[in-house]
Structure formats: C-alpha cells, structure tokens
C-alpha atoms as a PDB file:
ATOM      1  CA  MET A   1     -19.774 -13.408  22.218  1.00  0.00           C
ATOM      2  CA  ASN A   2     -21.022 -11.916  25.280  1.00  0.00           C
ATOM      3  CA  PHE A   3     -20.161  -8.363  26.759  1.00  0.00           C
ATOM      4  CA  LEU A   4     -17.446  -9.643  28.855  1.00  0.00           C
ATOM      5  CA  LYS A   5     -15.571 -11.504  26.084  1.00  0.00           C
ATOM      6  CA  LYS A   6     -16.348  -7.998  23.765  1.00  0.00           C
ATOM      7  CA  LEU A   7     -14.619  -5.743  26.171  1.00  0.00           C
ATOM      8  CA  THR A   8     -11.558  -8.023  26.954  1.00  0.00           C
ATOM      9  CA  CYS A   9     -11.137  -8.209  23.199  1.00  0.00           C
ATOM     10  CA  ALA A  10     -11.224  -4.767  22.737  1.00  0.00           C
ATOM     11  CA  ALA A  11      -9.203  -3.596  25.872  1.00  0.00           C
ATOM     12  CA  ALA A  12      -6.595  -6.441  24.536  1.00  0.00           C
ATOM     13  CA  LEU A  13      -6.762  -4.833  20.873  1.00  0.00           C
ATOM     14  CA  ALA A  14      -6.446  -1.334  22.202  1.00  0.00           C
ATOM     15  CA  LEU A  15      -3.388  -2.190  24.122  1.00  0.00           C
ATOM     16  CA  SER A  16      -1.704  -3.949  21.340  1.00  0.00           C
ATOM     17  CA  PHE A  17      -2.525  -1.111  18.691  1.00  0.00           C
ATOM     18  CA  ALA A  18      -0.828   1.428  21.744  1.00  0.00           C
ATOM     19  CA  ASN A  19       1.946  -1.126  22.205  1.00  0.00           C
ATOM     20  CA  ALA A  20       2.829  -1.211  18.182  1.00  0.00           C
ATOM     21  CA  HIS A  21       2.463   2.305  17.852  1.00  0.00           C
ATOM     22  CA  ALA A  22       4.866   3.203  20.548  1.00  0.00           C
ATOM     23  CA  ALA A  23       7.309   0.603  18.823  1.00  0.00           C
ATOM     24  CA  VAL A  24       7.094   1.933  15.491  1.00  0.00           C
ATOM     25  CA  ASN A  25       6.912   5.554  15.987  1.00  0.00           C
ATOM     26  CA  SER A  26      10.166   5.934  17.646  1.00  0.00           C
ATOM     27  CA  ALA A  27      11.815   5.121  14.009  1.00  0.00           C
ATOM     28  CA  VAL A  28       8.981   6.546  11.651  1.00  0.00           C
ATOM     29  CA  LEU A  29      10.492   9.792   9.818  1.00  0.00           C
ATOM     30  CA  ASN A  30       9.006  13.374  10.281  1.00  0.00           C
ATOM     31  CA  ASN A  31       9.919  16.532   8.712  1.00  0.00           C
ATOM     32  CA  TRP A  32      12.093  14.604   5.652  1.00  0.00           C
ATOM     33  CA  VAL A  33      12.813  15.839   2.473  1.00  0.00           C
ATOM     34  CA  PHE A  34      11.977  14.467  -0.691  1.00  0.00           C
ATOM     35  CA  ASN A  35      13.192  16.078  -4.081  1.00  0.00           C
ATOM     36  CA  PRO A  36      10.742  14.552  -6.958  1.00  0.00           C
ATOM     37  CA  ASN A  37      12.961  15.715  -9.661  1.00  0.00           C
ATOM     38  CA  GLY A  38      16.321  14.087  -7.801  1.00  0.00           C
ATOM     39  CA  GLY A  39      18.268  17.537  -7.387  1.00  0.00           C
ATOM     40  CA  GLY A  40      19.235  17.044  -3.956  1.00  0.00           C
ATOM     41  CA  PHE A  41      18.388  18.274  -0.336  1.00  0.00           C
ATOM     42  CA  ALA A  42      18.431  21.931  -0.773  1.00  0.00           C
ATOM     43  CA  ASN A  43      15.709  22.161  -3.548  1.00  0.00           C
ATOM     44  CA  GLY A  44      13.681  19.249  -2.339  1.00  0.00           C
ATOM     45  CA  GLN A  45      10.111  19.539  -0.344  1.00  0.00           C
ATOM     46  CA  LYS A  46       9.810  19.054   3.318  1.00  0.00           C
ATOM     47  CA  ILE A  47       7.581  16.062   4.155  1.00  0.00           C
ATOM     48  CA  ASN A  48       6.023  16.449   7.502  1.00  0.00           C
ATOM     49  CA  GLU A  49       4.952  12.970   7.916  1.00  0.00           C
ATOM     50  CA  TYR A  50       3.888  10.875   4.694  1.00  0.00           C
ATOM     51  CA  LEU A  51       3.195  10.752   0.615  1.00  0.00           C
ATOM     52  CA  ASP A  52       0.126  10.602  -0.513  1.00  0.00           C
ATOM     53  CA  VAL A  53      -0.557   7.499  -2.539  1.00  0.00           C
ATOM     54  CA  ASN A  54      -3.712   6.671  -4.750  1.00  0.00           C
ATOM     55  CA  GLY A  55      -4.318   3.696  -7.014  1.00  0.00           C
ATOM     56  CA  ASN A  56      -6.160   0.353  -8.020  1.00  0.00           C
ATOM     57  CA  ALA A  57      -4.986  -2.898  -7.057  1.00  0.00           C
ATOM     58  CA  PHE A  58      -6.263  -6.388  -8.642  1.00  0.00           C
ATOM     59  CA  ILE A  59      -6.552  -9.180  -5.983  1.00  0.00           C
ATOM     60  CA  GLN A  60      -6.812 -13.143  -6.818  1.00  0.00           C
ATOM     61  CA  LEU A  61      -7.887 -15.316  -4.331  1.00  0.00           C
ATOM     62  CA  THR A  62      -7.119 -19.154  -4.211  1.00  0.00           C
ATOM     63  CA  PRO A  63      -9.081 -21.179  -1.398  1.00  0.00           C
ATOM     64  CA  THR A  64      -6.734 -23.288   0.398  1.00  0.00           C
ATOM     65  CA  GLY A  65      -9.455 -25.446   2.621  1.00  0.00           C
ATOM     66  CA  ASN A  66     -10.817 -24.480   6.079  1.00  0.00           C
ATOM     67  CA  ASN A  67     -12.125 -21.202   4.987  1.00  0.00           C
ATOM     68  CA  SER A  68      -8.778 -19.964   4.063  1.00  0.00           C
ATOM     69  CA  PHE A  69      -7.294 -18.560   1.364  1.00  0.00           C
ATOM     70  CA  SER A  70      -3.830 -17.649  -0.458  1.00  0.00           C
ATOM     71  CA  PHE A  71      -4.143 -14.452  -2.735  1.00  0.00           C
ATOM     72  CA  ALA A  72      -1.750 -12.551  -5.305  1.00  0.00           C
ATOM     73  CA  GLU A  73      -2.047  -8.733  -5.707  1.00  0.00           C
ATOM     74  CA  HIS A  74      -1.048  -6.462  -8.318  1.00  0.00           C
ATOM     75  CA  ALA A  75      -1.429  -2.684  -8.217  1.00  0.00           C
ATOM     76  CA  VAL A  76      -0.776   0.374  -9.653  1.00  0.00           C
ATOM     77  CA  PHE A  77      -0.113   3.862  -7.560  1.00  0.00           C
ATOM     78  CA  ASN A  78       0.349   7.673  -8.173  1.00  0.00           C
ATOM     79  CA  LEU A  79       1.896   9.980  -5.471  1.00  0.00           C
ATOM     80  CA  VAL A  80       1.323  13.771  -6.678  1.00  0.00           C
ATOM     81  CA  GLN A  81       1.707  15.641  -3.106  1.00  0.00           C
ATOM     82  CA  ALA A  82       2.470  14.998   0.579  1.00  0.00           C
ATOM     83  CA  ASP A  83       0.640  15.227   4.169  1.00  0.00           C
ATOM     84  CA  SER A  84      -2.622  16.005   2.039  1.00  0.00           C
ATOM     85  CA  ASN A  85      -1.540  19.632   1.505  1.00  0.00           C
ATOM     86  CA  ALA A  86      -3.302  19.926  -2.024  1.00  0.00           C
ATOM     87  CA  GLN A  87       0.563  21.635  -2.984  1.00  0.00           C
ATOM     88  CA  LEU A  88       1.607  19.107  -6.170  1.00  0.00           C
ATOM     89  CA  PHE A  89       4.867  17.846  -6.430  1.00  0.00           C
ATOM     90  CA  PRO A  90       7.106  20.520  -8.960  1.00  0.00           C
ATOM     91  CA  GLN A  91       7.120  17.901 -11.511  1.00  0.00           C
ATOM     92  CA  ASN A  92       3.431  17.588 -11.836  1.00  0.00           C
ATOM     93  CA  TYR A  93       3.353  21.385 -12.772  1.00  0.00           C
ATOM     94  CA  ALA A  94       5.988  20.452 -15.649  1.00  0.00           C
ATOM     95  CA  GLY A  95       3.931  17.359 -16.916  1.00  0.00           C
ATOM     96  CA  GLY A  96       5.648  14.533 -14.933  1.00  0.00           C
ATOM     97  CA  ASN A  97       4.792  12.387 -12.293  1.00  0.00           C
ATOM     98  CA  ILE A  98       6.050   9.900  -9.387  1.00  0.00           C
ATOM     99  CA  SER A  99       4.054   6.605  -9.645  1.00  0.00           C
ATOM    100  CA  ALA A 100       4.710   3.050  -8.261  1.00  0.00           C
ATOM    101  CA  VAL A 101       3.928  -0.424  -8.913  1.00  0.00           C
ATOM    102  CA  PHE A 102       3.176  -2.935  -6.398  1.00  0.00           C
ATOM    103  CA  GLN A 103       2.840  -7.049  -6.092  1.00  0.00           C
ATOM    104  CA  ALA A 104       2.287  -9.174  -3.396  1.00  0.00           C
ATOM    105  CA  THR A 105       1.287 -12.570  -2.126  1.00  0.00           C
ATOM    106  CA  GLY A 106      -0.336 -13.595   1.356  1.00  0.00           C
ATOM    107  CA  THR A 107      -2.764 -15.758   3.160  1.00  0.00           C
ATOM    108  CA  GLY A 108      -6.226 -15.158   4.732  1.00  0.00           C
ATOM    109  CA  THR A 109      -9.400 -16.598   6.154  1.00  0.00           C
ATOM    110  CA  PHE A 110     -13.020 -15.557   4.849  1.00  0.00           C
ATOM    111  CA  ASN A 111     -14.776 -13.230   7.104  1.00  0.00           C
ATOM    112  CA  GLY A 112     -11.600 -13.007   8.708  1.00  0.00           C
ATOM    113  CA  ALA A 113      -8.185 -11.175   8.540  1.00  0.00           C
ATOM    114  CA  PHE A 114      -5.079 -11.611   5.916  1.00  0.00           C
ATOM    115  CA  THR A 115      -1.575 -10.740   6.197  1.00  0.00           C
ATOM    116  CA  PHE A 116       1.042 -10.466   3.293  1.00  0.00           C
ATOM    117  CA  THR A 117       3.892 -12.966   3.039  1.00  0.00           C
ATOM    118  CA  GLY A 118       6.174 -11.169   0.588  1.00  0.00           C
ATOM    119  CA  GLY A 119       6.458  -8.827  -2.562  1.00  0.00           C
ATOM    120  CA  THR A 120       7.926  -5.648  -3.766  1.00  0.00           C
ATOM    121  CA  ILE A 121       7.026  -2.047  -4.393  1.00  0.00           C
ATOM    122  CA  SER A 122       8.908  -0.257  -7.140  1.00  0.00           C
ATOM    123  CA  ILE A 123       8.716   3.783  -7.495  1.00  0.00           C
ATOM    124  CA  TYR A 124       9.363   5.750 -10.458  1.00  0.00           C
ATOM    125  CA  GLN A 125       9.937   9.569 -11.836  1.00  0.00           C
ATOM    126  CA  ASN A 126       8.927  10.341 -14.841  1.00  0.00           C
ATOM    127  CA  THR A 127       9.194  13.483 -16.653  1.00  0.00           C
ATOM    128  CA  VAL A 128       6.115  12.985 -19.004  1.00  0.00           C
ATOM    129  CA  ASN A 129       2.899  12.051 -16.995  1.00  0.00           C
ATOM    130  CA  GLN A 130       1.639   8.814 -18.457  1.00  0.00           C
ATOM    131  CA  TYR A 131      -0.180   7.238 -15.478  1.00  0.00           C
ATOM    132  CA  GLY A 132      -3.255   5.820 -16.657  1.00  0.00           C
ATOM    133  CA  THR A 133      -2.674   5.350 -20.079  1.00  0.00           C
ATOM    134  CA  THR A 134      -1.677   2.294 -21.904  1.00  0.00           C
ATOM    135  CA  VAL A 135       2.247   2.884 -22.230  1.00  0.00           C
ATOM    136  CA  GLY A 136       4.054   0.647 -19.816  1.00  0.00           C
ATOM    137  CA  THR A 137       1.631  -0.918 -17.245  1.00  0.00           C
ATOM    138  CA  TYR A 138      -1.075   1.630 -16.874  1.00  0.00           C
ATOM    139  CA  GLY A 139       1.946   4.285 -17.003  1.00  0.00           C
ATOM    140  CA  ALA A 140       3.050   3.576 -13.502  1.00  0.00           C
ATOM    141  CA  ASN A 141       6.611   2.100 -14.361  1.00  0.00           C
ATOM    142  CA  LEU A 142       8.254   4.494 -16.591  1.00  0.00           C
ATOM    143  CA  GLY A 143      10.949   6.808 -16.340  1.00  0.00           C
ATOM    144  CA  THR A 144      13.591   6.488 -13.711  1.00  0.00           C
ATOM    145  CA  LYS A 145      13.410   4.032 -10.735  1.00  0.00           C
ATOM    146  CA  ILE A 146      14.263   5.739  -7.455  1.00  0.00           C
ATOM    147  CA  ALA A 147      13.151   3.381  -4.881  1.00  0.00           C
ATOM    148  CA  SER A 148      12.570  -0.315  -4.734  1.00  0.00           C
ATOM    149  CA  PHE A 149      11.401  -1.815  -1.750  1.00  0.00           C
ATOM    150  CA  ASN A 150      10.693  -5.629  -0.378  1.00  0.00           C
ATOM    151  CA  VAL A 151       7.270  -6.359   1.473  1.00  0.00           C
ATOM    152  CA  LEU A 152       7.878  -7.943   4.508  1.00  0.00           C
ATOM    153  CA  ALA A 153       5.673 -10.469   6.201  1.00  0.00           C
ATOM    154  CA  GLY A 154       2.802  -9.257   8.214  1.00  0.00           C
ATOM    155  CA  GLY A 155       0.696  -6.296   7.813  1.00  0.00           C
ATOM    156  CA  GLY A 156      -2.997  -6.923   6.201  1.00  0.00           C
ATOM    157  CA  GLY A 157      -6.256  -6.089   7.110  1.00  0.00           C
ATOM    158  CA  LEU A 158      -9.873  -7.600   7.714  1.00  0.00           C
ATOM    159  CA  VAL A 159     -11.631  -9.065   4.750  1.00  0.00           C
ATOM    160  CA  ASP A 160     -15.507  -9.929   4.445  1.00  0.00           C
ATOM    161  CA  ALA A 161     -17.155 -13.372   3.588  1.00  0.00           C
ATOM    162  CA  SER A 162     -15.943 -12.930  -0.153  1.00  0.00           C
ATOM    163  CA  GLY A 163     -12.153 -12.200   0.639  1.00  0.00           C
ATOM    164  CA  ARG A 164     -12.467  -8.404  -0.191  1.00  0.00           C
ATOM    165  CA  PRO A 165     -11.313  -5.683   2.393  1.00  0.00           C
ATOM    166  CA  ILE A 166     -13.949  -4.452   4.569  1.00  0.00           C
ATOM    167  CA  SER A 167     -15.481  -1.291   3.090  1.00  0.00           C
ATOM    168  CA  ASN A 168     -13.284   1.437   3.187  1.00  0.00           C
ATOM    169  CA  GLY A 169     -11.231  -0.820   5.667  1.00  0.00           C
ATOM    170  CA  GLU A 170      -7.365   0.209   6.222  1.00  0.00           C
ATOM    171  CA  VAL A 171      -5.279  -2.065   4.878  1.00  0.00           C
ATOM    172  CA  SER A 172      -1.540  -1.938   5.888  1.00  0.00           C
ATOM    173  CA  VAL A 173       2.124  -2.732   3.970  1.00  0.00           C
ATOM    174  CA  LEU A 174       5.362  -3.130   5.784  1.00  0.00           C
ATOM    175  CA  ALA A 175       8.626  -2.931   3.652  1.00  0.00           C
ATOM    176  CA  SER A 176      12.143  -2.500   3.685  1.00  0.00           C
ATOM    177  CA  ALA A 177      15.114  -1.087   1.322  1.00  0.00           C
ATOM    178  CA  GLU A 178      18.745  -2.050   1.595  1.00  0.00           C
ATOM    179  CA  VAL A 179      21.561   0.426   1.504  1.00  0.00           C
ATOM    180  CA  GLY A 180      21.668   1.673  -2.363  1.00  0.00           C
ATOM    181  CA  ALA A 181      17.695   0.597  -3.188  1.00  0.00           C
ATOM    182  CA  LEU A 182      16.757   4.219  -2.991  1.00  0.00           C
ATOM    183  CA  LYS A 183      18.288   6.590  -5.656  1.00  0.00           C
ATOM    184  CA  GLU A 184      20.473   8.857  -4.528  1.00  0.00           C
ATOM    185  CA  GLY A 185      19.265  12.533  -4.550  1.00  0.00           C
ATOM    186  CA  TYR A 186      15.630  11.753  -3.938  1.00  0.00           C
ATOM    187  CA  PHE A 187      15.251  11.214  -0.254  1.00  0.00           C
ATOM    188  CA  PHE A 188      16.875  12.964   2.967  1.00  0.00           C
ATOM    189  CA  ASN A 189      16.478  12.942   6.463  1.00  0.00           C
ATOM    190  CA  SER A 190      15.837  16.538   8.116  1.00  0.00           C
ATOM    191  CA  LYS A 191      19.397  17.033   8.299  1.00  0.00           C
ATOM    192  CA  GLY A 192      20.221  16.537   4.778  1.00  0.00           C
ATOM    193  CA  LYS A 193      21.563  13.272   4.645  1.00  0.00           C
ATOM    194  CA  ASP A 194      20.872  10.961   1.909  1.00  0.00           C
ATOM    195  CA  LEU A 195      18.625   8.273   2.784  1.00  0.00           C
ATOM    196  CA  SER A 196      20.517   6.020  -0.283  1.00  0.00           C
ATOM    197  CA  THR A 197      22.878   5.354   2.211  1.00  0.00           C
ATOM    198  CA  GLU A 198      20.829   3.617   4.839  1.00  0.00           C
ATOM    199  CA  SER A 199      18.328   0.686   5.469  1.00  0.00           C
ATOM    200  CA  ILE A 200      14.780   2.293   5.271  1.00  0.00           C
ATOM    201  CA  MET A 201      12.044   0.827   6.229  1.00  0.00           C
ATOM    202  CA  SER A 202       8.394   1.941   5.098  1.00  0.00           C
ATOM    203  CA  PHE A 203       4.686   1.634   5.961  1.00  0.00           C
ATOM    204  CA  ALA A 204       1.559   2.068   3.753  1.00  0.00           C
ATOM    205  CA  PHE A 205      -1.851   2.561   4.897  1.00  0.00           C
ATOM    206  CA  THR A 206      -4.440   2.666   2.270  1.00  0.00           C
ATOM    207  CA  ASN A 207      -8.232   2.547   2.543  1.00  0.00           C
ATOM    208  CA  ALA A 208      -9.561   0.257  -0.073  1.00  0.00           C
ATOM    209  CA  ASN A 209     -12.963  -0.033  -2.048  1.00  0.00           C
ATOM    210  CA  ASN A 210     -14.727  -2.273  -4.352  1.00  0.00           C
ATOM    211  CA  ILE A 211     -14.667  -0.917  -8.042  1.00  0.00           C
ATOM    212  CA  THR A 212     -17.666  -2.223 -10.211  1.00  0.00           C
ATOM    213  CA  ASN A 213     -17.169  -0.579 -13.256  1.00  0.00           C
ATOM    214  CA  PRO A 214     -13.466  -0.123 -14.218  1.00  0.00           C
ATOM    215  CA  SER A 215     -12.188   1.750 -17.373  1.00  0.00           C
ATOM    216  CA  LYS A 216     -10.678  -0.499 -20.371  1.00  0.00           C
ATOM    217  CA  ASN A 217      -7.490   0.669 -19.976  1.00  0.00           C
ATOM    218  CA  LEU A 218      -7.488  -0.588 -16.054  1.00  0.00           C
ATOM    219  CA  VAL A 219      -8.584  -3.898 -17.038  1.00  0.00           C
ATOM    220  CA  SER A 220      -6.457  -4.146 -20.055  1.00  0.00           C
ATOM    221  CA  GLU A 221      -3.218  -2.826 -18.310  1.00  0.00           C
ATOM    222  CA  LEU A 222      -3.353  -3.898 -14.413  1.00  0.00           C
ATOM    223  CA  VAL A 223      -5.760  -7.214 -14.876  1.00  0.00           C
ATOM    224  CA  CYS A 224      -4.627  -8.850 -18.121  1.00  0.00           C
ATOM    225  CA  GLU A 225      -1.200  -7.410 -18.754  1.00  0.00           C
ATOM    226  CA  PHE A 226       0.313  -6.545 -15.200  1.00  0.00           C
ATOM    227  CA  SER A 227      -1.472  -9.778 -13.268  1.00  0.00           C
ATOM    228  CA  GLY A 228      -1.536 -12.251 -16.205  1.00  0.00           C
ATOM    229  CA  PHE A 229      -5.142 -12.811 -15.730  1.00  0.00           C
ATOM    230  CA  THR A 230      -6.657 -14.726 -18.514  1.00  0.00           C
ATOM    231  CA  GLY A 231     -10.661 -14.728 -17.866  1.00  0.00           C
ATOM    232  CA  ASN A 232     -13.690 -12.388 -18.669  1.00  0.00           C
ATOM    233  CA  GLY A 233     -12.064  -9.010 -19.760  1.00  0.00           C
ATOM    234  CA  CYS A 234      -8.945 -10.311 -20.849  1.00  0.00           C
ATOM    235  CA  LYS A 235     -10.434 -12.514 -23.641  1.00  0.00           C
ATOM    236  CA  LYS A 236     -11.563 -10.917 -26.800  1.00  0.00           C
ATOM    237  CA  GLY A 237     -15.355 -10.420 -26.733  1.00  0.00           C
ATOM    238  CA  THR A 238     -15.752 -10.492 -22.973  1.00  0.00           C
ATOM    239  CA  THR A 239     -16.415  -8.158 -20.387  1.00  0.00           C
ATOM    240  CA  TYR A 240     -14.611  -7.963 -17.015  1.00  0.00           C
ATOM    241  CA  LYS A 241     -16.894  -8.282 -13.488  1.00  0.00           C
ATOM    242  CA  ASN A 242     -15.596  -8.967 -10.231  1.00  0.00           C
ATOM    243  CA  LYS A 243     -16.154 -12.479  -8.876  1.00  0.00           C
ATOM    244  CA  ALA A 244     -16.882 -12.843  -5.368  1.00  0.00           C
ATOM    245  CA  GLY A 245     -14.403 -15.317  -3.587  1.00  0.00           C
ATOM    246  CA  GLU A 246     -11.894 -15.654  -6.721  1.00  0.00           C
ATOM    247  CA  TYR A 247     -10.778 -11.991  -7.835  1.00  0.00           C
ATOM    248  CA  PHE A 248     -11.854  -8.699  -8.100  1.00  0.00           C
ATOM    249  CA  LEU A 249     -10.563  -4.881  -8.282  1.00  0.00           C
ATOM    250  CA  LEU A 250     -10.446  -2.226  -5.611  1.00  0.00           C
ATOM    251  CA  SER A 251      -9.792   1.653  -5.367  1.00  0.00           C
ATOM    252  CA  ASN A 252      -6.726   2.562  -2.903  1.00  0.00           C
ATOM    253  CA  ASN A 253      -5.758   5.543  -1.492  1.00  0.00           C
ATOM    254  CA  GLY A 254      -3.687   6.532   1.879  1.00  0.00           C
ATOM    255  CA  GLN A 255      -0.202   7.283   3.103  1.00  0.00           C
ATOM    256  CA  PHE A 256       3.324   6.109   2.639  1.00  0.00           C
ATOM    257  CA  LYS A 257       5.915   6.584   5.423  1.00  0.00           C
ATOM    258  CA  LEU A 258       9.641   6.427   5.967  1.00  0.00           C
ATOM    259  CA  ALA A 259      11.522   4.996   9.108  1.00  0.00           C
ATOM    260  CA  THR A 260      15.059   4.946   9.263  1.00  0.00           C
ATOM    261  CA  GLU A 261      15.381   2.013  12.000  1.00  0.00           C
ATOM    262  CA  VAL A 262      13.980  -1.470  10.949  1.00  0.00           C
ATOM    263  CA  PRO A 263      11.991  -2.946  14.133  1.00  0.00           C
ATOM    264  CA  GLU A 264      12.526  -6.170  15.568  1.00  0.00           C
ATOM    265  CA  PRO A 265      10.437  -9.055  13.701  1.00  0.00           C
ATOM    266  CA  GLY A 266       8.439  -9.392  17.389  1.00  0.00           C
ATOM    267  CA  SER A 267       7.603  -5.414  16.868  1.00  0.00           C
ATOM    268  CA  LEU A 268       6.250  -6.239  13.245  1.00  0.00           C
ATOM    269  CA  ALA A 269       4.136  -8.612  14.243  1.00  0.00           C
ATOM    270  CA  LEU A 270       2.849  -6.550  16.716  1.00  0.00           C
ATOM    271  CA  PHE A 271       2.145  -3.742  14.674  1.00  0.00           C
ATOM    272  CA  GLY A 272       0.435  -5.936  11.983  1.00  0.00           C
ATOM    273  CA  ILE A 273      -2.005  -7.268  14.856  1.00  0.00           C
ATOM    274  CA  ALA A 274      -2.763  -3.865  16.247  1.00  0.00           C
ATOM    275  CA  MET A 275      -3.556  -2.802  12.414  1.00  0.00           C
ATOM    276  CA  LEU A 276      -5.937  -5.470  12.488  1.00  0.00           C
ATOM    277  CA  GLY A 277      -7.274  -4.567  15.890  1.00  0.00           C
ATOM    278  CA  ALA A 278      -7.775  -0.704  14.683  1.00  0.00           C
ATOM    279  CA  GLY A 279      -9.908  -2.053  11.852  1.00  0.00           C
ATOM    280  CA  VAL A 280     -12.162  -4.246  14.454  1.00  0.00           C
ATOM    281  CA  VAL A 281     -12.680  -1.348  16.357  1.00  0.00           C
ATOM    282  CA  ALA A 282     -13.513   1.033  13.327  1.00  0.00           C
ATOM    283  CA  ARG A 283     -16.256  -1.549  12.089  1.00  0.00           C
ATOM    284  CA  LYS A 284     -17.826  -2.150  15.419  1.00  0.00           C
ATOM    285  CA  ARG A 285     -18.037   1.712  15.939  1.00  0.00           C
ATOM    286  CA  ALA A 286     -19.832   1.741  12.275  1.00  0.00           C
ATOM    287  CA  ASN A 287     -22.138  -0.767  13.100  1.00  0.00           C
ATOM    288  CA  LYS A 288     -23.188   1.033  16.089  1.00  0.00           C
ATOM    289  CA  GLY A 289     -23.939   4.023  14.393  1.00  0.00           C
END
C-alpha cells in the first residue's frame, strides 16, 4: 500500500473512531453506583466510569477456508475494584469477591480481524473468595448471579497469522441485558434508580496477551471443564501446550462499562469498526517506535 493510500485509510479509521465514540459516549454511564453486597444505593460505591476486569480466556479456532476461521471462546474474570483506584470492593476485605464467566462465538480472518456473533456474560457475587480454585468453574461462577448479558454481534479486534489477538491488542465486547437481568440492589444510576428496572448496555475492553505456561488449575478448570476441550492437557499423562492456528490461552485485563441506551445496529457496527481501526493505528505506531 503506497503512502497516499495509507494516509487515506488512517484518516477514515480516525473519522469512524470519532463518530463511533460520539454515538456511544452519549449513553455511557458516569458516576453510577455499584453495591457489591447488594445492599442498595445508599451503601454503594460510586463508579466514575468502569469496573476493572482481570482474567483468562481459552480460544478454539476452526478454519473455514479462504484464510478465514470461526471460533469459540470461554473465559473467567475477577472484578475487585473500579476506575483503577486500588480501592478493593468492600466484600474483598471480608473474603468475598465479584467474578464472571464469559462464553462467545465469532468469525475472523487470519492476519486480519475477528468479530463476535453471540454469547453470554454472567456476573456473580460470592461471600467467599474462591476465584482461581477448583470449586465451580475456576471459582468464577459461585454465589449469587447478579447480572446476565447477551453478547451482541460486533466488537472484536485484530489477530496475527495464527489467529491470536495482536500482542496487548485491545478486544471489545458489546452486550445487552433486558429488564430484570440485573439483580435488584446492586447497580444504580447516579440519581439512585435501580438499573434492574431498565434495559442496559455493556461495553468491555480488554488487552489480550498469550499465556505459555498456564497453571494446572487453569488448564483443568477453564480448558478441560468449561471449554470441553479433550486434547493434550485434558488427557491423563499429557501436558497442555498452545497450538498456533487451533487453540490457545490468553490473559486479559481491561474495563467493563455500562450504558442506559442500546445504540442502533448501525452505531454498533460503526463502533466495532472504530475499535478495529484504533488497533490498526496503535500497531502502526508501535512498529514505527
């Protein structure tokens, strides 16, 4: 691609990124309240913008011809603070935790981009911190389910020739929750209205990096149990190892945001394109550095 084409492409990506954020930012919640114990608005914690998420994902790819693939993803997450403020949610001091399980499907192109086609996000509040253990699914789906989201078509990110998200590449997930899908007493807007009474949109942005030496618990719980994988690492006497172009483990950390309005389908598509564009620009900058 010559310089003029590169310049035109960059300009288009920047414009779509700006337009998408304009379409979505109008709905994103700021200064909302989360009560990790379900005790209502008055005793909740103000969230300036997002909940921090950290976890792991197992991706299984199926080549579909013409350099394309379909995929299934299973992931577990822990949420211990908001706005990267290092102030642990109250229940973390008492030994509990907020966690989540994620499963989704999608399609993509090797050395190109991928996008989600559907899936679910379930968030739990546990009075005992069992995350990372062999109880339940890596301890991520225990306690009270406080939120259920359906993953929407869109989002995604950029991948390398093996199908892995580019190193530290940003992955975006768009999801929605119908009225009643959030449990009463946990999520509120800045004026104290319980968000369980509304249809809610969520946006998750995570950085993805390859895991080469996973723990035995992670392989047993996430790869074998949750994902149903039956290859090496899940058969007695074998050891798990990532296989380029077929399956691999990732570490993820990022942000989970809420919005009170579900954008039009066109806005969602634009938002997904913009996120991919942001990844392209970031990669070009990194290469120049």
